[in-house]
Protein backbone atom coordinates (compact mmCIF):
# COMPACT_ATOMS: atom_id res chain seq x y z
CA MET A 1 10.69 118.16 187.44
CA GLU A 2 14.03 116.96 185.59
CA ALA A 3 13.85 116.71 181.67
CA ARG A 4 17.34 115.59 180.44
CA VAL A 5 18.91 118.02 177.56
CA PRO A 6 19.66 116.54 174.23
CA ALA A 7 23.51 116.65 172.96
CA GLY A 8 22.21 117.21 169.56
CA LEU A 9 20.96 120.45 168.39
CA SER A 10 18.71 121.38 165.20
CA ALA A 11 20.55 124.11 163.60
CA SER A 12 17.89 126.83 164.66
CA GLU A 13 18.29 125.71 168.15
CA GLY A 14 22.23 125.67 167.58
CA ARG A 15 22.10 129.08 166.19
CA LYS A 16 19.77 130.74 168.83
CA PHE A 17 22.19 129.11 171.16
CA GLY A 18 25.20 130.59 169.92
CA LEU A 19 23.79 133.77 169.08
CA LEU A 20 21.83 134.60 172.43
CA VAL A 21 24.81 133.59 174.63
CA GLY A 22 27.68 134.44 172.70
CA GLY A 23 26.31 137.97 172.45
CA ALA A 24 25.42 138.12 176.34
CA PHE A 25 29.36 137.01 176.37
CA LEU A 26 30.08 139.71 173.69
CA ALA A 27 28.07 142.39 175.76
CA ILE A 28 29.60 141.36 179.21
CA ALA A 29 33.58 141.54 177.54
CA GLY A 30 31.87 145.20 176.22
CA ILE A 31 31.09 146.28 179.98
CA PHE A 32 34.82 145.31 181.13
CA TYR A 33 36.02 147.16 178.45
CA TRP A 34 34.32 150.45 178.72
CA ARG A 35 34.61 149.93 182.32
CA ALA A 36 38.48 149.69 182.14
CA LYS A 37 38.67 146.29 183.66
CA MET A 38 41.04 144.66 180.68
CA GLY A 39 42.31 141.65 182.60
CA PRO A 40 38.74 139.30 181.95
CA VAL A 41 38.15 141.00 178.23
CA PRO A 42 40.25 138.35 176.05
CA TYR A 43 38.47 135.61 177.89
CA VAL A 44 34.84 136.37 177.61
CA GLY A 45 35.13 138.02 174.57
CA GLY A 46 37.32 135.55 173.02
CA LEU A 47 34.55 132.59 174.28
CA GLY A 48 31.82 135.00 173.29
CA GLY A 49 33.25 135.42 169.58
CA LEU A 50 33.42 131.32 169.48
CA LEU A 51 29.94 130.93 170.33
CA VAL A 52 28.44 133.54 167.81
CA VAL A 53 30.90 132.00 165.07
CA GLY A 54 30.07 128.58 166.20
CA GLY A 55 26.32 129.52 165.98
CA LEU A 56 26.67 131.17 162.35
CA VAL A 57 29.04 128.30 160.80
CA ALA A 58 28.51 124.93 162.55
CA PRO A 59 24.87 125.24 165.10
CA THR A 60 24.80 121.70 165.67
CA ALA A 61 27.96 120.92 166.60
CA LEU A 62 27.50 123.50 169.69
CA GLY A 63 25.51 120.49 171.65
CA PRO A 64 27.57 119.52 174.12
CA ILE A 65 28.02 122.66 175.11
CA TYR A 66 24.99 123.51 175.27
CA LYS A 67 24.48 120.31 176.98
CA ALA A 68 26.92 121.68 179.79
CA TRP A 69 25.67 125.02 179.62
CA MET A 70 22.32 123.39 180.63
CA GLY A 71 24.01 121.56 183.50
CA LEU A 72 25.27 124.46 184.93
CA ALA A 73 21.90 125.98 184.92
CA LEU A 74 20.10 123.03 186.60
CA VAL A 75 22.56 122.68 188.91
CA LEU A 76 22.42 126.81 189.81
CA SER A 77 18.61 126.45 190.11
CA LYS A 78 19.26 123.90 193.22
CA VAL A 79 20.83 126.32 195.17
CA THR A 80 19.42 129.71 194.16
CA THR A 81 15.35 128.92 193.99
CA PRO A 82 15.66 127.29 197.86
CA ILE A 83 17.39 130.92 198.54
CA PHE A 84 14.89 132.74 196.27
CA MET A 85 11.87 131.86 198.03
CA GLY A 86 13.42 131.69 201.53
CA VAL A 87 14.07 135.52 200.99
CA ILE A 88 10.45 135.84 199.54
CA TYR A 89 8.75 133.88 202.38
CA PHE A 90 10.55 135.59 205.19
CA VAL A 91 10.49 139.26 204.02
CA VAL A 92 7.34 139.16 202.31
CA ILE A 93 4.71 136.65 203.59
CA THR A 94 5.52 136.50 207.23
CA PRO A 95 5.62 140.15 207.94
CA MET A 96 1.83 139.93 206.07
CA GLY A 97 0.94 137.44 208.40
CA LEU A 98 2.01 139.06 211.20
CA ILE A 99 0.64 142.17 210.45
CA MET A 100 -2.77 140.63 209.16
CA LYS A 101 -2.57 139.17 212.81
CA LEU A 102 -2.13 142.30 214.63
CA ILE A 103 -5.01 144.11 213.04
CA GLY A 104 -7.55 141.24 213.73
CA ARG A 105 -8.17 140.25 209.77
CA ARG A 106 -8.36 136.47 208.90
CA ALA A 107 -8.68 135.71 205.64
CA LEU A 108 -9.63 132.33 205.14
CA GLU A 109 -12.77 133.11 207.72
CA HIS A 110 -15.91 134.28 206.48
CA GLN A 111 -18.77 135.74 208.25
CA PRO A 112 -22.09 133.75 207.45
CA THR A 113 -24.86 135.89 205.74
CA ASN A 114 -28.63 134.88 206.69
CA ASN A 115 -26.75 132.58 209.44
CA SER A 116 -25.94 130.33 206.91
CA TYR A 117 -21.98 130.09 204.79
CA TRP A 118 -23.59 128.96 201.87
CA ILE A 119 -23.54 131.50 199.15
CA GLN A 120 -26.47 131.90 197.06
CA ARG A 121 -25.76 131.62 193.47
CA THR A 122 -27.22 133.82 190.89
CA GLY A 123 -27.81 133.45 187.67
CA PRO A 124 -28.36 130.40 185.35
CA GLN A 125 -28.33 127.37 186.78
CA PRO A 126 -25.51 124.94 185.69
CA THR A 127 -26.42 121.85 183.71
CA ALA A 128 -25.66 118.01 184.27
CA ASP A 129 -22.84 118.39 181.12
CA GLN A 130 -21.47 121.55 182.60
CA MET A 131 -20.86 119.68 186.18
CA LYS A 132 -18.58 116.68 184.42
CA ARG A 133 -14.86 116.77 184.08
CA GLN A 134 -14.85 120.27 186.19
CA PHE A 135 -11.05 119.64 186.95
């Protein structure tokens, strides 16, 4: 489900983008400064400052930067999502399935009651109108 990112931003969207991403870069620069790692501070801080100032002064001009940022996010998600889902599958789901198999539990197998797999409904019966458009 890939949506196209518009190059033109409204003023409020550009302001949100500039302040949020610029503020994040300024926070990262602050962490670098606090940790006495002075090498990246001017670059990260300068980029953050430019984005914050751009978000305040000319938020609609940040459209191409926003489009490039979202393109980078799309590329990163194409790489990290399969890795993350693979880790979840092999670290969580597979061991859980093996443990369930070892203890003899079968989650999809139901025991019959009164020699039938049907579950008796209790409460009011549905009307014909309730049976339309069930999904």
